[in-house]
């Protein structure tokens, strides 16, 4: 192997090392972003569960209120 070939070989290795370092940095950034996305999804999941519970309560209150009003109108306004 000639000295010029060795120099080119080491330059190629250096370029590959730089690319690997750039990939490692990109992976670290992606992991950080994914952690942020996971945290936001957890918040949305908790919020959705609260709304599900609230919807059930409102639906129940509406059904009970409708039943009471229906019976009150039937009693007050006989046909």
PDB file of N, CA and C in Angstrom:
ATOM      1  N   UNK A   1       0.846  -1.162   0.000  1.00  0.00           N
ATOM      2  CA  UNK A   1       0.000   0.000   0.000  1.00  0.00           C
ATOM      3  C   UNK A   1       0.899   1.235   0.000  1.00  0.00           C
ATOM      4  N   UNK A   2       0.654   2.119  -0.927  1.00  0.00           N
ATOM      5  CA  UNK A   2       1.482   3.321  -1.053  1.00  0.00           C
ATOM      6  C   UNK A   2       1.055   4.352  -0.005  1.00  0.00           C
ATOM      7  N   UNK A   3       1.927   5.304   0.282  1.00  0.00           N
ATOM      8  CA  UNK A   3       1.581   6.347   1.268  1.00  0.00           C
ATOM      9  C   UNK A   3       0.346   7.152   0.864  1.00  0.00           C
ATOM     10  N   UNK A   4       0.162   7.397  -0.431  1.00  0.00           N
ATOM     11  CA  UNK A   4      -1.029   8.135  -0.881  1.00  0.00           C
ATOM     12  C   UNK A   4      -2.303   7.343  -0.622  1.00  0.00           C
ATOM     13  N   UNK A   5      -2.210   6.023  -0.831  1.00  0.00           N
ATOM     14  CA  UNK A   5      -3.371   5.167  -0.566  1.00  0.00           C
ATOM     15  C   UNK A   5      -3.714   5.168   0.924  1.00  0.00           C
ATOM     16  N   UNK A   6      -2.673   5.144   1.770  1.00  0.00           N
ATOM     17  CA  UNK A   6      -2.904   5.169   3.217  1.00  0.00           C
ATOM     18  C   UNK A   6      -3.554   6.482   3.644  1.00  0.00           C
ATOM     19  N   UNK A   7      -3.090   7.579   3.067  1.00  0.00           N
ATOM     20  CA  UNK A   7      -3.669   8.883   3.412  1.00  0.00           C
ATOM     21  C   UNK A   7      -5.145   8.922   3.022  1.00  0.00           C
ATOM     22  N   UNK A   8      -5.456   8.451   1.834  1.00  0.00           N
ATOM     23  CA  UNK A   8      -6.850   8.427   1.391  1.00  0.00           C
ATOM     24  C   UNK A   8      -7.684   7.482   2.255  1.00  0.00           C
ATOM     25  N   UNK A   9      -7.097   6.375   2.656  1.00  0.00           N
ATOM     26  CA  UNK A   9      -7.778   5.414   3.526  1.00  0.00           C
ATOM     27  C   UNK A   9      -8.131   6.068   4.863  1.00  0.00           C
ATOM     28  N   UNK A  10      -7.186   6.763   5.474  1.00  0.00           N
ATOM     29  CA  UNK A  10      -7.445   7.422   6.756  1.00  0.00           C
ATOM     30  C   UNK A  10      -8.430   8.577   6.615  1.00  0.00           C
ATOM     31  N   UNK A  11      -8.399   9.259   5.488  1.00  0.00           N
ATOM     32  CA  UNK A  11      -9.384  10.322   5.248  1.00  0.00           C
ATOM     33  C   UNK A  11     -10.804   9.735   5.161  1.00  0.00           C
ATOM     34  N   UNK A  12     -10.903   8.595   4.478  1.00  0.00           N
ATOM     35  CA  UNK A  12     -12.203   7.928   4.369  1.00  0.00           C
ATOM     36  C   UNK A  12     -12.705   7.492   5.739  1.00  0.00           C
ATOM     37  N   UNK A  13     -11.808   6.978   6.555  1.00  0.00           N
ATOM     38  CA  UNK A  13     -12.176   6.580   7.912  1.00  0.00           C
ATOM     39  C   UNK A  13     -12.641   7.809   8.704  1.00  0.00           C
ATOM     40  N   UNK A  14     -11.933   8.916   8.541  1.00  0.00           N
ATOM     41  CA  UNK A  14     -12.316  10.149   9.229  1.00  0.00           C
ATOM     42  C   UNK A  14     -13.695  10.627   8.805  1.00  0.00           C
ATOM     43  N   UNK A  15     -14.003  10.535   7.513  1.00  0.00           N
ATOM     44  CA  UNK A  15     -15.325  10.939   7.030  1.00  0.00           C
ATOM     45  C   UNK A  15     -16.412  10.026   7.600  1.00  0.00           C
ATOM     46  N   UNK A  16     -16.124   8.742   7.648  1.00  0.00           N
ATOM     47  CA  UNK A  16     -17.086   7.800   8.222  1.00  0.00           C
ATOM     48  C   UNK A  16     -17.322   8.073   9.710  1.00  0.00           C
ATOM     49  N   UNK A  17     -16.249   8.370  10.422  1.00  0.00           N
ATOM     50  CA  UNK A  17     -16.394   8.691  11.846  1.00  0.00           C
ATOM     51  C   UNK A  17     -17.258   9.941  12.041  1.00  0.00           C
ATOM     52  N   UNK A  18     -17.080  10.925  11.169  1.00  0.00           N
ATOM     53  CA  UNK A  18     -17.896  12.144  11.265  1.00  0.00           C
ATOM     54  C   UNK A  18     -19.365  11.825  10.988  1.00  0.00           C
ATOM     55  N   UNK A  19     -19.614  10.957  10.017  1.00  0.00           N
ATOM     56  CA  UNK A  19     -20.991  10.576   9.715  1.00  0.00           C
ATOM     57  C   UNK A  19     -21.615   9.798  10.874  1.00  0.00           C
ATOM     58  N   UNK A  20     -20.847   8.913  11.495  1.00  0.00           N
ATOM     59  CA  UNK A  20     -21.347   8.161  12.647  1.00  0.00           C
ATOM     60  C   UNK A  20     -21.649   9.108  13.803  1.00  0.00           C
ATOM     61  N   UNK A  21     -20.798  10.086  14.033  1.00  0.00           N
ATOM     62  CA  UNK A  21     -21.035  11.063  15.101  1.00  0.00           C
ATOM     63  C   UNK A  21     -22.302  11.862  14.812  1.00  0.00           C
ATOM     64  N   UNK A  22     -22.518  12.244  13.551  1.00  0.00           N
ATOM     65  CA  UNK A  22     -23.724  12.986  13.184  1.00  0.00           C
ATOM     66  C   UNK A  22     -24.964  12.124  13.388  1.00  0.00           C
ATOM     67  N   UNK A  23     -24.874  10.840  13.042  1.00  0.00           N
ATOM     68  CA  UNK A  23     -25.999   9.934  13.256  1.00  0.00           C
ATOM     69  C   UNK A  23     -26.294   9.759  14.745  1.00  0.00           C
ATOM     70  N   UNK A  24     -25.260   9.654  15.560  1.00  0.00           N
ATOM     71  CA  UNK A  24     -25.453   9.510  17.000  1.00  0.00           C
ATOM     72  C   UNK A  24     -26.133  10.750  17.579  1.00  0.00           C
ATOM     73  N   UNK A  25     -25.739  11.929  17.108  1.00  0.00           N
ATOM     74  CA  UNK A  25     -26.363  13.169  17.559  1.00  0.00           C
ATOM     75  C   UNK A  25     -27.832  13.220  17.138  1.00  0.00           C
ATOM     76  N   UNK A  26     -28.103  12.812  15.909  1.00  0.00           N
ATOM     77  CA  UNK A  26     -29.485  12.804  15.416  1.00  0.00           C
ATOM     78  C   UNK A  26     -30.340  11.822  16.221  1.00  0.00           C
ATOM     79  N   UNK A  27     -29.787  10.667  16.564  1.00  0.00           N
ATOM     80  CA  UNK A  27     -30.532   9.687  17.361  1.00  0.00           C
ATOM     81  C   UNK A  27     -30.832  10.233  18.756  1.00  0.00           C
ATOM     82  N   UNK A  28     -29.892  10.932  19.346  1.00  0.00           N
ATOM     83  CA  UNK A  28     -30.114  11.525  20.661  1.00  0.00           C
ATOM     84  C   UNK A  28     -31.229  12.561  20.600  1.00  0.00           C
ATOM     85  N   UNK A  29     -31.226  13.387  19.565  1.00  0.00           N
ATOM     86  CA  UNK A  29     -32.290  14.383  19.396  1.00  0.00           C
ATOM     87  C   UNK A  29     -33.641  13.716  19.197  1.00  0.00           C
ATOM     88  N   UNK A  30     -33.673  12.630  18.426  1.00  0.00           N
ATOM     89  CA  UNK A  30     -34.925  11.917  18.191  1.00  0.00           C
ATOM     90  C   UNK A  30     -35.461  11.312  19.482  1.00  0.00           C
ATOM     91  N   UNK A  31     -34.573  10.750  20.297  1.00  0.00           N
ATOM     92  CA  UNK A  31     -34.999  10.182  21.574  1.00  0.00           C
ATOM     93  C   UNK A  31     -35.584  11.264  22.475  1.00  0.00           C
ATOM     94  N   UNK A  32     -34.974  12.432  22.486  1.00  0.00           N
ATOM     95  CA  UNK A  32     -35.478  13.536  23.292  1.00  0.00           C
ATOM     96  C   UNK A  32     -36.866  13.959  22.815  1.00  0.00           C
ATOM     97  N   UNK A  33     -37.039  14.060  21.502  1.00  0.00           N
ATOM     98  CA  UNK A  33     -38.347  14.440  20.952  1.00  0.00           C
ATOM     99  C   UNK A  33     -39.399  13.379  21.241  1.00  0.00           C
ATOM    100  N   UNK A  34     -39.023  12.099  21.147  1.00  0.00           N
ATOM    101  CA  UNK A  34     -39.970  11.027  21.434  1.00  0.00           C
ATOM    102  C   UNK A  34     -40.398  11.035  22.907  1.00  0.00           C
ATOM    103  N   UNK A  35     -39.471  11.355  23.792  1.00  0.00           N
ATOM    104  CA  UNK A  35     -39.825  11.461  25.207  1.00  0.00           C
ATOM    105  C   UNK A  35     -40.846  12.576  25.414  1.00  0.00           C
ATOM    106  N   UNK A  36     -40.666  13.684  24.722  1.00  0.00           N
ATOM    107  CA  UNK A  36     -41.621  14.788  24.814  1.00  0.00           C
ATOM    108  C   UNK A  36     -42.982  14.399  24.262  1.00  0.00           C
ATOM    109  N   UNK A  37     -42.987  13.655  23.162  1.00  0.00           N
ATOM    110  CA  UNK A  37     -44.249  13.200  22.571  1.00  0.00           C
ATOM    111  C   UNK A  37     -44.949  12.237  23.524  1.00  0.00           C
ATOM    112  N   UNK A  38     -44.192  11.329  24.154  1.00  0.00           N
ATOM    113  CA  UNK A  38     -44.788  10.393  25.113  1.00  0.00           C
ATOM    114  C   UNK A  38     -45.426  11.136  26.279  1.00  0.00           C
ATOM    115  N   UNK A  39     -44.762  12.161  26.768  1.00  0.00           N
ATOM    116  CA  UNK A  39     -45.317  12.940  27.880  1.00  0.00           C
ATOM    117  C   UNK A  39     -46.618  13.626  27.454  1.00  0.00           C
ATOM    118  N   UNK A  40     -46.655  14.177  26.251  1.00  0.00           N
ATOM    119  CA  UNK A  40     -47.878  14.832  25.760  1.00  0.00           C
ATOM    120  C   UNK A  40     -49.002  13.829  25.569  1.00  0.00           C
ATOM    121  N   UNK A  41     -48.688  12.643  25.067  1.00  0.00           N
ATOM    122  CA  UNK A  41     -49.710  11.616  24.893  1.00  0.00           C
ATOM    123  C   UNK A  41     -50.279  11.168  26.236  1.00  0.00           C
ATOM    124  N   UNK A  42     -49.424  11.082  27.252  1.00  0.00           N
ATOM    125  CA  UNK A  42     -49.917  10.739  28.584  1.00  0.00           C
ATOM    126  C   UNK A  42     -50.877  11.804  29.099  1.00  0.00           C
ATOM    127  N   UNK A  43     -50.545  13.078  28.870  1.00  0.00           N
ATOM    128  CA  UNK A  43     -51.446  14.161  29.292  1.00  0.00           C
ATOM    129  C   UNK A  43     -52.775  14.081  28.548  1.00  0.00           C
ATOM    130  N   UNK A  44     -52.735  13.834  27.253  1.00  0.00           N
ATOM    131  CA  UNK A  44     -53.970  13.718  26.472  1.00  0.00           C
ATOM    132  C   UNK A  44     -54.808  12.521  26.916  1.00  0.00           C
ATOM    133  N   UNK A  45     -54.151  11.436  27.270  1.00  0.00           N
ATOM    134  CA  UNK A  45     -54.869  10.255  27.734  1.00  0.00           C
ATOM    135  C   UNK A  45     -55.583  10.540  29.054  1.00  0.00           C
ATOM    136  N   UNK A  46     -54.899  11.223  29.971  1.00  0.00           N
ATOM    137  CA  UNK A  46     -55.543  11.592  31.237  1.00  0.00           C
ATOM    138  C   UNK A  46     -56.718  12.528  31.002  1.00  0.00           C
ATOM    139  N   UNK A  47     -56.557  13.483  30.097  1.00  0.00           N
ATOM    140  CA  UNK A  47     -57.638  14.420  29.778  1.00  0.00           C
ATOM    141  C   UNK A  47     -58.826  13.690  29.160  1.00  0.00           C
ATOM    142  N   UNK A  48     -58.567  12.754  28.258  1.00  0.00           N
ATOM    143  CA  UNK A  48     -59.647  11.984  27.629  1.00  0.00           C
ATOM    144  C   UNK A  48     -60.396  11.160  28.666  1.00  0.00           C
ATOM    145  N   UNK A  49     -59.677  10.586  29.612  1.00  0.00           N
ATOM    146  CA  UNK A  49     -60.342   9.805  30.650  1.00  0.00           C
ATOM    147  C   UNK A  49     -61.224  10.685  31.524  1.00  0.00           C
ATOM    148  N   UNK A  50     -60.783  11.903  31.816  1.00  0.00           N
ATOM    149  CA  UNK A  50     -61.616  12.827  32.588  1.00  0.00           C
ATOM    150  C   UNK A  50     -62.888  13.168  31.827  1.00  0.00           C
ATOM    151  N   UNK A  51     -62.763  13.413  30.518  1.00  0.00           N
ATOM    152  CA  UNK A  51     -63.936  13.758  29.718  1.00  0.00           C
ATOM    153  C   UNK A  51     -64.900  12.592  29.626  1.00  0.00           C
ATOM    154  N   UNK A  52     -64.379  11.374  29.554  1.00  0.00           N
ATOM    155  CA  UNK A  52     -65.257  10.205  29.515  1.00  0.00           C
ATOM    156  C   UNK A  52     -66.093  10.131  30.787  1.00  0.00           C
ATOM    157  N   UNK A  53     -65.461  10.340  31.932  1.00  0.00           N
ATOM    158  CA  UNK A  53     -66.177  10.319  33.205  1.00  0.00           C
ATOM    159  C   UNK A  53     -67.194  11.444  33.286  1.00  0.00           C
ATOM    160  N   UNK A  54     -66.810  12.629  32.852  1.00  0.00           N
ATOM    161  CA  UNK A  54     -67.723  13.771  32.865  1.00  0.00           C
ATOM    162  C   UNK A  54     -68.907  13.556  31.943  1.00  0.00           C
ATOM    163  N   UNK A  55     -68.663  12.947  30.797  1.00  0.00           N
ATOM    164  CA  UNK A  55     -69.750  12.670  29.852  1.00  0.00           C
ATOM    165  C   UNK A  55     -70.755  11.705  30.464  1.00  0.00           C
ATOM    166  N   UNK A  56     -70.279  10.698  31.168  1.00  0.00           N
ATOM    167  CA  UNK A  56     -71.186   9.738  31.806  1.00  0.00           C
ATOM    168  C   UNK A  56     -72.045  10.425  32.857  1.00  0.00           C
ATOM    169  N   UNK A  57     -71.459  11.320  33.640  1.00  0.00           N
ATOM    170  CA  UNK A  57     -72.221  12.038  34.669  1.00  0.00           C
ATOM    171  C   UNK A  57     -73.269  12.932  34.019  1.00  0.00           C
ATOM    172  N   UNK A  58     -72.886  13.684  33.000  1.00  0.00           N
ATOM    173  CA  UNK A  58     -73.832  14.586  32.323  1.00  0.00           C
ATOM    174  C   UNK A  58     -74.954  13.788  31.661  1.00  0.00           C
ATOM    175  N   UNK A  59     -74.623  12.673  31.046  1.00  0.00           N
ATOM    176  CA  UNK A  59     -75.632  11.830  30.415  1.00  0.00           C
ATOM    177  C   UNK A  59     -76.614  11.292  31.454  1.00  0.00           C
ATOM    178  N   UNK A  60     -76.102  10.867  32.597  1.00  0.00           N
ATOM    179  CA  UNK A  60     -76.968  10.352  33.666  1.00  0.00           C
ATOM    180  C   UNK A  60     -77.869  11.451  34.202  1.00  0.00           C
ATOM    181  N   UNK A  61     -77.299  12.627  34.460  1.00  0.00           N
ATOM    182  CA  UNK A  61     -78.113  13.737  34.965  1.00  0.00           C
ATOM    183  C   UNK A  61     -79.183  14.141  33.955  1.00  0.00           C
ATOM    184  N   UNK A  62     -78.834  14.152  32.681  1.00  0.00           N
ATOM    185  CA  UNK A  62     -79.814  14.481  31.649  1.00  0.00           C
ATOM    186  C   UNK A  62     -80.941  13.461  31.585  1.00  0.00           C
ATOM    187  N   UNK A  63     -80.603  12.185  31.715  1.00  0.00           N
ATOM    188  CA  UNK A  63     -81.625  11.136  31.683  1.00  0.00           C
ATOM    189  C   UNK A  63     -82.550  11.244  32.885  1.00  0.00           C
ATOM    190  N   UNK A  64     -81.995  11.476  34.061  1.00  0.00           N
ATOM    191  CA  UNK A  64     -82.811  11.615  35.272  1.00  0.00           C
ATOM    192  C   UNK A  64     -83.676  12.866  35.162  1.00  0.00           C
ATOM    193  N   UNK A  65     -83.087  13.977  34.723  1.00  0.00           N
ATOM    194  CA  UNK A  65     -83.853  15.219  34.559  1.00  0.00           C
ATOM    195  C   UNK A  65     -84.972  15.056  33.549  1.00  0.00           C
ATOM    196  N   UNK A  66     -84.700  14.397  32.443  1.00  0.00           N
ATOM    197  CA  UNK A  66     -85.728  14.151  31.435  1.00  0.00           C
ATOM    198  C   UNK A  66     -86.849  13.281  31.963  1.00  0.00           C
ATOM    199  N   UNK A  67     -86.509  12.268  32.741  1.00  0.00           N
ATOM    200  CA  UNK A  67     -87.518  11.393  33.335  1.00  0.00           C
ATOM    201  C   UNK A  67     -88.420  12.174  34.286  1.00  0.00           C
ATOM    202  N   UNK A  68     -87.804  13.003  35.129  1.00  0.00           N
ATOM    203  CA  UNK A  68     -88.582  13.793  36.090  1.00  0.00           C
ATOM    204  C   UNK A  68     -89.485  14.790  35.359  1.00  0.00           C
ATOM    205  N   UNK A  69     -88.949  15.500  34.379  1.00  0.00           N
ATOM    206  CA  UNK A  69     -89.764  16.463  33.629  1.00  0.00           C
ATOM    207  C   UNK A  69     -90.893  15.775  32.865  1.00  0.00           C
ATOM    208  N   UNK A  70     -90.601  14.633  32.280  1.00  0.00           N
ATOM    209  CA  UNK A  70     -91.630  13.901  31.544  1.00  0.00           C
ATOM    210  C   UNK A  70     -92.779  13.501  32.473  1.00  0.00           C
ATOM    211  N   UNK A  71     -92.440  12.984  33.637  1.00  0.00           N
ATOM    212  CA  UNK A  71     -93.487  12.589  34.593  1.00  0.00           C
ATOM    213  C   UNK A  71     -94.214  13.805  35.157  1.00  0.00           C
ATOM    214  N   UNK A  72     -93.513  14.911  35.360  1.00  0.00           N
ATOM    215  CA  UNK A  72     -94.166  16.125  35.877  1.00  0.00           C
ATOM    216  C   UNK A  72     -95.153  16.659  34.851  1.00  0.00           C
ATOM    217  N   UNK A  73     -94.773  16.685  33.589  1.00  0.00           N
ATOM    218  CA  UNK A  73     -95.710  17.166  32.557  1.00  0.00           C
ATOM    219  C   UNK A  73     -96.912  16.231  32.403  1.00  0.00           C
ATOM    220  N   UNK A  74     -96.678  14.939  32.551  1.00  0.00           N
ATOM    221  CA  UNK A  74     -97.794  13.996  32.452  1.00  0.00           C
ATOM    222  C   UNK A  74     -98.767  14.199  33.623  1.00  0.00           C
ATOM    223  N   UNK A  75     -98.248  14.512  34.776  1.00  0.00           N
ATOM    224  CA  UNK A  75     -99.087  14.709  35.951  1.00  0.00           C
ATOM    225  C   UNK A  75     -99.814  16.045  35.902  1.00  0.00           C
ATOM    226  N   UNK A  76     -99.074  17.102  35.440  1.00  0.00           N
ATOM    227  CA  UNK A  76     -99.660  18.434  35.394  1.00  0.00           C
ATOM    228  C   UNK A  76    -100.606  18.631  34.213  1.00  0.00           C
ATOM    229  N   UNK A  77    -100.349  17.989  33.114  1.00  0.00           N
ATOM    230  CA  UNK A  77    -101.149  18.167  31.901  1.00  0.00           C
ATOM    231  C   UNK A  77    -101.760  16.832  31.469  1.00  0.00           C
ATOM    232  N   UNK A  78    -102.741  16.362  32.185  1.00  0.00           N
ATOM    233  CA  UNK A  78    -103.342  15.083  31.784  1.00  0.00           C
ATOM    234  C   UNK A  78    -104.119  15.240  30.469  1.00  0.00           C
ATOM    235  N   UNK A  79    -104.214  14.214  29.729  1.00  0.00           N
ATOM    236  CA  UNK A  79    -104.902  14.257  28.437  1.00  0.00           C
ATOM    237  C   UNK A  79    -106.293  13.769  28.546  1.00  0.00           C
TER     238      UNK A  79
END
